[in-house]
Amino acid sequence: MTRIGWYVHHHGRGHLARLLAVAAHVTSDIVCFSSLAEPAGLPANCSWVVLDRDDAEEPETGGPLRARDVDAGGLLHWAPALHNGHRRRLSAIAAALESRPVTAFVVDVSAEVTLFVRLLGIPTILITQPGTRDDVPHALAFQAAHRVIAPWPGELLRPAHLADLPDVVYVGGISRFDGRPVERQNERGAHSPAARPKVLVLGGAGGTAVTAAAVEAAAAATPEYDWSSLGMPGPGSSGWCDDPWEQLRGAEIVVAWAGQNSIADLAAANVRAVVIPQARPFDEQVQTSQALAGSGLAVVEPSWPAAEDWPGVLARARSLQPEWSKWRSAGAAQRAAAEIDATAGGARR
């Protein structure tokens, strides 16, 4: 059996969710590397190496980080000079790969880890994200990678900077909920005529500009709807939920951000949605939202609407008949796993 490495970025929960969705279908053993603590429910073929943080410690010199110190004059995104945590995390990766050699390494996401692992002579599989990623660090990482996995449908979203790369595979939206039974929305028994239609605000761990007050104002402006929220403050909020499947399927309309995992989960649940992109590097969520709007999969608002606009927004969302099969979430994790296994086995496109 082959062994692969897998770097999991610590921001938000999406990178970890993607690992957990794909790893179960990978035939190789996986050595995972992350600043995150080892998660519950790690598949049996995975082990976990906790890395030092490189963004929460003063550099070895004791002085403040300067612009050139962190990005090598624009050549990299984040490589702070004379930083203990940064040095230790890369040393830990190298040491683990020396004691447990791998034949391929998945990076989700980091230009620096991609380049570092490739310098160690290991074939790399870069999981990318939407957005305009045509800067020097991204270009270096894309060129160094043996394969690039784009977890969305290439039919709906094909960034220009990926167009000339020979090894990009658009596998569709990877959802942890793929495979769960979904009846058509108009066949559900969840919405009785006497009940108020449910609106679920699905927050995330990556941060948002939307406040609890804004959600409360929207709920007050639409009393005919029953609002609740997960993963953020708001009316009827239940806080974070590790498995919001029942809440997703019980909602008439889901209000969500445009992160890759959120959209894949909406597709897997086959729900009507209002999607509001949040500020992210390289306009990742803006590009995703444009693809959704252009394909009629969701009502897209550039920012949280004013309270008085919500009746119209929700009316438009209720009229949707989204063909979420276009997001190709069904089988996406298996397709990604097949690409990873192929690279680990020595195949190259």
Protein backbone atom coordinates (compact mmCIF):
# COMPACT_ATOMS: atom_id res chain seq x y z
CA MET A 1 0.00 0.00 0.00
CA THR A 2 1.25 3.47 -0.85
CA ARG A 3 1.37 6.36 1.62
CA ILE A 4 0.60 10.03 0.94
CA GLY A 5 1.01 13.25 2.89
CA TRP A 6 -1.77 15.84 3.27
CA TYR A 7 -1.45 19.43 4.46
CA VAL A 8 -4.65 20.91 5.95
CA HIS A 9 -4.77 24.70 6.27
CA HIS A 10 -6.03 25.88 9.65
CA HIS A 11 -8.27 28.77 8.51
CA GLY A 12 -11.98 27.99 8.92
CA ARG A 13 -13.23 24.41 8.80
CA GLY A 14 -13.55 23.88 5.08
CA HIS A 15 -10.09 22.42 4.44
CA LEU A 16 -10.56 19.89 7.23
CA ALA A 17 -14.06 19.00 6.03
CA ARG A 18 -12.66 18.36 2.56
CA LEU A 19 -10.00 16.01 3.94
CA LEU A 20 -12.58 14.04 5.91
CA ALA A 21 -14.84 13.76 2.86
CA VAL A 22 -12.10 12.59 0.48
CA ALA A 23 -9.83 10.53 2.76
CA ALA A 24 -12.43 7.81 3.28
CA HIS A 25 -12.22 7.04 -0.45
CA VAL A 26 -8.41 7.11 -0.72
CA THR A 27 -6.83 3.65 -0.80
CA SER A 28 -3.47 4.88 0.56
CA ASP A 29 -2.47 5.56 4.14
CA ILE A 30 -2.40 9.32 4.81
CA VAL A 31 -0.10 11.32 7.08
CA CYS A 32 -1.92 14.59 7.80
CA PHE A 33 -0.14 17.82 8.73
CA SER A 34 -1.91 20.84 10.22
CA SER A 35 -1.83 23.51 12.90
CA LEU A 36 -5.27 22.21 13.87
CA ALA A 37 -5.66 19.65 16.63
CA GLU A 38 -6.40 16.10 15.52
CA PRO A 39 -10.13 16.01 14.76
CA ALA A 40 -12.66 13.48 15.93
CA GLY A 41 -13.78 11.01 13.31
CA LEU A 42 -10.45 10.80 11.52
CA PRO A 43 -10.60 7.86 9.05
CA ALA A 44 -8.65 4.76 10.01
CA ASN A 45 -6.16 5.24 7.17
CA CYS A 46 -5.09 8.66 8.54
CA SER A 47 -2.55 9.72 11.15
CA TRP A 48 -2.09 13.31 12.37
CA VAL A 49 0.97 15.53 12.90
CA VAL A 50 0.30 18.84 14.69
CA LEU A 51 2.42 21.70 13.34
CA ASP A 52 3.54 24.84 15.15
CA ARG A 53 1.75 28.05 14.19
CA ASP A 54 3.73 30.61 12.24
CA ASP A 55 1.35 33.53 12.74
CA ALA A 56 1.06 33.69 16.54
CA GLU A 57 4.62 34.11 17.73
CA GLU A 58 7.23 36.87 17.59
CA PRO A 59 10.14 36.23 15.26
CA GLU A 60 13.41 34.99 16.72
CA THR A 61 14.82 38.52 16.56
CA GLY A 62 12.14 39.79 18.95
CA GLY A 63 11.25 42.62 16.58
CA PRO A 64 8.05 43.23 14.58
CA LEU A 65 7.46 41.44 11.28
CA ARG A 66 8.12 43.64 8.26
CA ALA A 67 6.52 43.25 4.84
CA ARG A 68 9.60 41.81 3.15
CA ASP A 69 10.15 39.49 6.10
CA VAL A 70 6.89 37.63 5.49
CA ASP A 71 6.62 37.38 1.69
CA ALA A 72 10.25 37.27 0.47
CA GLY A 73 9.73 40.39 -1.59
CA GLY A 74 6.57 39.08 -3.25
CA LEU A 75 7.97 35.67 -4.18
CA LEU A 76 5.88 33.90 -1.49
CA HIS A 77 2.67 34.53 0.45
CA TRP A 78 3.84 33.77 3.98
CA ALA A 79 7.35 32.81 5.04
CA PRO A 80 8.30 35.06 7.98
CA ALA A 81 12.06 35.41 8.39
CA LEU A 82 13.72 34.20 11.60
CA HIS A 83 10.42 32.90 12.94
CA ASN A 84 10.62 29.94 15.30
CA GLY A 85 7.20 28.54 14.52
CA HIS A 86 7.69 28.77 10.76
CA ARG A 87 11.04 26.98 10.94
CA ARG A 88 9.69 24.25 13.23
CA ARG A 89 6.61 23.51 11.11
CA LEU A 90 8.65 22.96 7.94
CA SER A 91 11.22 20.94 9.90
CA ALA A 92 8.43 18.76 11.28
CA ILE A 93 7.11 18.06 7.77
CA ALA A 94 10.59 17.13 6.53
CA ALA A 95 11.30 14.91 9.55
CA ALA A 96 8.00 13.05 9.23
CA LEU A 97 8.53 12.46 5.54
CA GLU A 98 12.00 11.10 6.25
CA SER A 99 10.69 8.59 8.78
CA ARG A 100 7.52 7.77 6.85
CA PRO A 101 8.23 8.32 3.14
CA VAL A 102 5.32 9.17 0.86
CA THR A 103 4.87 8.89 -2.90
CA ALA A 104 2.61 11.95 -3.21
CA PHE A 105 1.59 14.92 -1.09
CA VAL A 106 -1.77 16.75 -1.14
CA VAL A 107 -1.68 20.46 -0.23
CA ASP A 108 -4.93 22.18 0.79
CA VAL A 109 -3.84 25.00 0.57
CA SER A 110 -0.40 26.67 0.68
CA ALA A 111 1.94 27.81 -2.06
CA GLU A 112 4.85 27.53 0.38
CA VAL A 113 4.15 23.94 1.43
CA THR A 114 3.63 22.97 -2.21
CA LEU A 115 7.04 24.36 -3.16
CA PHE A 116 8.75 22.98 -0.04
CA VAL A 117 7.47 19.45 -0.57
CA ARG A 118 8.31 19.57 -4.27
CA LEU A 119 11.86 20.66 -3.35
CA LEU A 120 12.03 17.47 -1.29
CA GLY A 121 11.39 15.61 -4.54
CA ILE A 122 7.82 14.53 -3.79
CA PRO A 123 5.01 14.77 -6.37
CA THR A 124 2.43 17.28 -5.18
CA ILE A 125 -1.33 17.52 -5.65
CA LEU A 126 -2.56 21.05 -5.07
CA ILE A 127 -6.20 21.56 -4.13
CA THR A 128 -7.00 25.06 -5.31
CA GLN A 129 -9.84 27.52 -4.73
CA PRO A 130 -11.64 29.97 -7.01
CA GLY A 131 -10.56 33.58 -7.33
CA THR A 132 -8.01 35.45 -9.39
CA ARG A 133 -4.86 33.62 -8.34
CA ASP A 134 -2.44 34.81 -11.00
CA ASP A 135 0.20 36.28 -8.67
CA VAL A 136 3.78 35.01 -8.54
CA PRO A 137 3.43 32.65 -5.52
CA HIS A 138 0.36 30.96 -6.98
CA ALA A 139 1.97 30.67 -10.41
CA LEU A 140 5.01 28.97 -8.88
CA ALA A 141 2.85 26.52 -6.94
CA PHE A 142 0.66 25.66 -9.93
CA GLN A 143 3.69 25.03 -12.12
CA ALA A 144 5.36 22.88 -9.44
CA ALA A 145 2.29 20.71 -8.80
CA HIS A 146 1.96 17.38 -10.55
CA ARG A 147 -1.81 17.74 -10.45
CA VAL A 148 -4.26 20.50 -9.53
CA ILE A 149 -7.69 19.57 -8.16
CA ALA A 150 -10.42 22.19 -8.49
CA PRO A 151 -13.37 21.23 -6.24
CA TRP A 152 -16.10 22.81 -8.34
CA PRO A 153 -17.59 22.19 -11.82
CA GLY A 154 -15.41 23.43 -14.63
CA GLU A 155 -18.50 23.81 -16.79
CA LEU A 156 -19.68 26.70 -14.60
CA LEU A 157 -16.43 28.22 -13.33
CA ARG A 158 -13.08 28.13 -15.12
CA PRO A 159 -10.68 30.83 -13.88
CA ALA A 160 -8.43 32.28 -16.55
CA HIS A 161 -5.23 31.53 -14.64
CA LEU A 162 -5.98 27.79 -14.76
CA ALA A 163 -6.79 27.69 -18.47
CA ASP A 164 -3.28 26.89 -19.72
CA LEU A 165 -2.34 24.40 -17.01
CA PRO A 166 -2.27 20.81 -18.33
CA ASP A 167 -2.98 19.01 -15.07
CA VAL A 168 -6.16 20.63 -13.70
CA VAL A 169 -9.03 18.30 -12.79
CA TYR A 170 -12.44 19.81 -12.04
CA VAL A 171 -14.02 17.18 -9.80
CA GLY A 172 -17.18 19.08 -8.74
CA GLY A 173 -18.16 20.40 -5.32
CA ILE A 174 -16.91 18.12 -2.52
CA SER A 175 -19.55 17.73 0.20
CA ARG A 176 -19.48 15.73 3.42
CA PHE A 177 -23.17 15.02 2.77
CA ASP A 178 -22.77 13.34 -0.59
CA GLY A 179 -24.64 10.06 -0.63
CA ARG A 180 -27.27 10.94 1.93
CA PRO A 181 -30.81 10.34 0.62
CA VAL A 182 -32.53 13.48 -0.67
CA GLU A 183 -36.15 13.61 -1.72
CA ARG A 184 -37.24 16.40 -4.00
CA GLN A 185 -38.06 19.56 -2.14
CA ASN A 186 -41.73 19.59 -3.14
CA GLU A 187 -42.12 16.02 -1.85
CA ARG A 188 -40.93 16.76 1.67
CA GLY A 189 -43.37 16.72 4.53
CA ALA A 190 -41.43 19.33 6.47
CA HIS A 191 -43.48 22.33 5.33
CA SER A 192 -47.11 22.04 6.31
CA PRO A 193 -49.49 24.72 4.97
CA ALA A 194 -50.06 26.08 8.48
CA ALA A 195 -46.37 26.39 9.34
CA ARG A 196 -44.29 29.47 8.65
CA PRO A 197 -41.63 28.78 6.01
CA LYS A 198 -38.24 28.27 7.63
CA VAL A 199 -35.21 30.40 6.80
CA LEU A 200 -31.85 29.07 7.98
CA VAL A 201 -28.79 31.34 8.10
CA LEU A 202 -25.81 29.03 7.72
CA GLY A 203 -22.69 30.72 9.06
CA GLY A 204 -19.15 29.41 8.91
CA ALA A 205 -15.86 29.44 10.76
CA GLY A 206 -14.04 31.60 8.21
CA GLY A 207 -15.47 34.90 9.43
CA THR A 208 -18.26 37.20 8.23
CA ALA A 209 -19.19 40.87 8.13
CA VAL A 210 -22.82 40.00 8.94
CA THR A 211 -23.88 40.86 12.50
CA ALA A 212 -26.54 39.39 14.75
CA ALA A 213 -28.35 42.74 14.58
CA ALA A 214 -28.56 42.51 10.80
CA VAL A 215 -30.07 39.02 10.98
CA GLU A 216 -32.54 40.15 13.63
CA ALA A 217 -33.59 43.12 11.48
CA ALA A 218 -34.18 40.83 8.49
CA ALA A 219 -36.26 38.47 10.63
CA ALA A 220 -38.32 41.37 12.01
CA ALA A 221 -39.00 42.60 8.46
CA THR A 222 -40.32 39.18 7.39
CA PRO A 223 -42.57 37.98 10.24
CA GLU A 224 -44.24 35.45 7.97
CA TYR A 225 -40.98 33.44 8.02
CA ASP A 226 -39.44 31.45 10.87
CA TRP A 227 -35.74 32.39 11.06
CA SER A 228 -32.95 30.44 12.74
CA SER A 229 -29.16 30.37 12.39
CA LEU A 230 -26.19 28.08 12.84
CA GLY A 231 -22.55 29.00 13.23
CA MET A 232 -23.16 32.66 14.07
CA PRO A 233 -25.13 34.85 16.47
CA GLY A 234 -28.71 35.55 15.54
CA PRO A 235 -32.36 34.79 16.28
CA GLY A 236 -32.84 31.19 17.27
CA SER A 237 -29.13 30.48 16.87
CA SER A 238 -27.92 27.07 17.95
CA GLY A 239 -24.25 28.01 17.67
CA TRP A 240 -21.92 25.73 15.75
CA CYS A 241 -23.31 22.42 14.51
CA ASP A 242 -20.99 19.68 13.27
CA ASP A 243 -23.74 18.04 11.23
CA PRO A 244 -26.44 20.49 10.08
CA TRP A 245 -28.04 18.09 7.60
CA GLU A 246 -31.46 17.99 9.27
CA GLN A 247 -31.55 21.78 9.58
CA LEU A 248 -30.58 22.17 5.92
CA ARG A 249 -33.24 19.75 4.73
CA GLY A 250 -35.87 21.28 7.03
CA ALA A 251 -35.43 24.81 5.69
CA GLU A 252 -37.46 26.35 2.90
CA ILE A 253 -34.61 28.76 2.18
CA VAL A 254 -30.97 28.69 3.30
CA VAL A 255 -28.96 31.91 3.52
CA ALA A 256 -25.27 31.08 3.20
CA TRP A 257 -21.89 32.48 2.26
CA ALA A 258 -20.09 31.42 -0.91
CA GLY A 259 -17.37 29.17 0.52
CA GLN A 260 -16.66 26.01 -1.45
CA ASN A 261 -17.87 23.61 1.24
CA SER A 262 -21.02 25.60 1.94
CA ILE A 263 -22.02 25.60 -1.73
CA ALA A 264 -21.25 21.90 -2.11
CA ASP A 265 -23.41 21.18 0.96
CA LEU A 266 -26.27 23.25 -0.48
CA ALA A 267 -25.99 21.23 -3.68
CA ALA A 268 -25.98 17.92 -1.80
CA ALA A 269 -29.03 18.98 0.21
CA ASN A 270 -30.82 20.31 -2.91
CA VAL A 271 -32.11 23.47 -1.23
CA ARG A 272 -33.22 26.89 -2.36
CA ALA A 273 -30.61 29.41 -1.31
CA VAL A 274 -29.68 33.05 -0.96
CA VAL A 275 -25.90 33.32 -1.28
CA ILE A 276 -24.00 36.34 0.03
CA PRO A 277 -20.24 36.33 -0.73
CA GLN A 278 -17.95 37.35 2.10
CA ALA A 279 -14.63 39.17 1.76
CA ARG A 280 -11.89 36.64 1.07
CA PRO A 281 -8.44 36.87 -0.53
CA PHE A 282 -8.39 36.87 -4.34
CA ASP A 283 -12.20 37.37 -4.53
CA GLU A 284 -12.78 33.66 -4.09
CA GLN A 285 -16.38 33.95 -2.96
CA VAL A 286 -17.22 36.66 -5.49
CA GLN A 287 -16.25 34.37 -8.38
CA THR A 288 -18.19 31.47 -6.92
CA SER A 289 -21.27 33.66 -6.49
CA GLN A 290 -21.06 34.85 -10.09
CA ALA A 291 -21.05 31.23 -11.26
CA LEU A 292 -24.12 30.47 -9.12
CA ALA A 293 -26.02 33.51 -10.36
CA GLY A 294 -25.14 32.82 -13.98
CA SER A 295 -26.43 29.26 -13.77
CA GLY A 296 -29.60 30.10 -11.82
CA LEU A 297 -28.66 27.95 -8.84
CA ALA A 298 -29.19 30.60 -6.15
CA VAL A 299 -30.29 34.15 -5.50
CA VAL A 300 -27.05 36.08 -5.10
CA GLU A 301 -26.77 39.36 -3.20
CA PRO A 302 -23.43 41.23 -3.19
CA SER A 303 -23.85 42.08 0.50
CA TRP A 304 -26.39 41.59 3.26
CA PRO A 305 -29.58 43.27 2.02
CA ALA A 306 -31.31 46.06 3.91
CA ALA A 307 -34.12 44.83 6.15
CA GLU A 308 -36.82 46.25 3.87
CA ASP A 309 -35.41 44.31 0.89
CA TRP A 310 -35.66 40.89 2.48
CA PRO A 311 -39.33 40.19 1.58
CA GLY A 312 -38.44 40.47 -2.11
CA VAL A 313 -35.21 38.49 -1.73
CA LEU A 314 -36.98 35.60 -0.04
CA ALA A 315 -39.81 35.68 -2.59
CA ARG A 316 -37.27 35.31 -5.40
CA ALA A 317 -35.57 32.46 -3.56
CA ARG A 318 -38.87 30.60 -3.06
CA SER A 319 -39.51 30.75 -6.80
CA LEU A 320 -36.23 28.99 -7.63
CA GLN A 321 -36.11 25.50 -9.08
CA PRO A 322 -32.33 25.01 -8.86
CA GLU A 323 -30.68 22.22 -10.84
CA TRP A 324 -28.02 21.54 -8.25
CA SER A 325 -26.79 18.54 -10.22
CA LYS A 326 -24.87 21.14 -12.25
CA TRP A 327 -22.52 21.60 -9.26
CA ARG A 328 -21.53 17.93 -9.65
CA SER A 329 -21.35 17.16 -5.94
CA ALA A 330 -22.47 13.57 -6.44
CA GLY A 331 -19.29 11.50 -6.55
CA ALA A 332 -16.93 14.50 -6.28
CA ALA A 333 -15.04 13.12 -3.25
CA GLN A 334 -14.53 9.80 -5.04
CA ARG A 335 -13.26 11.56 -8.16
CA ALA A 336 -10.78 13.56 -6.09
CA ALA A 337 -9.64 10.40 -4.30
CA ALA A 338 -9.08 8.64 -7.62
CA GLU A 339 -6.85 11.49 -8.82
CA ILE A 340 -4.86 11.37 -5.58
CA ASP A 341 -4.43 7.61 -5.72
CA ALA A 342 -3.37 7.81 -9.37
CA THR A 343 -0.68 10.37 -8.57
CA ALA A 344 0.52 8.37 -5.57
CA GLY A 345 0.76 5.35 -7.83
CA GLY A 346 3.02 7.18 -10.26
CA ALA A 347 0.51 8.31 -12.88
CA ARG A 348 0.80 11.74 -14.43
CA ARG A 349 -1.46 13.31 -17.02
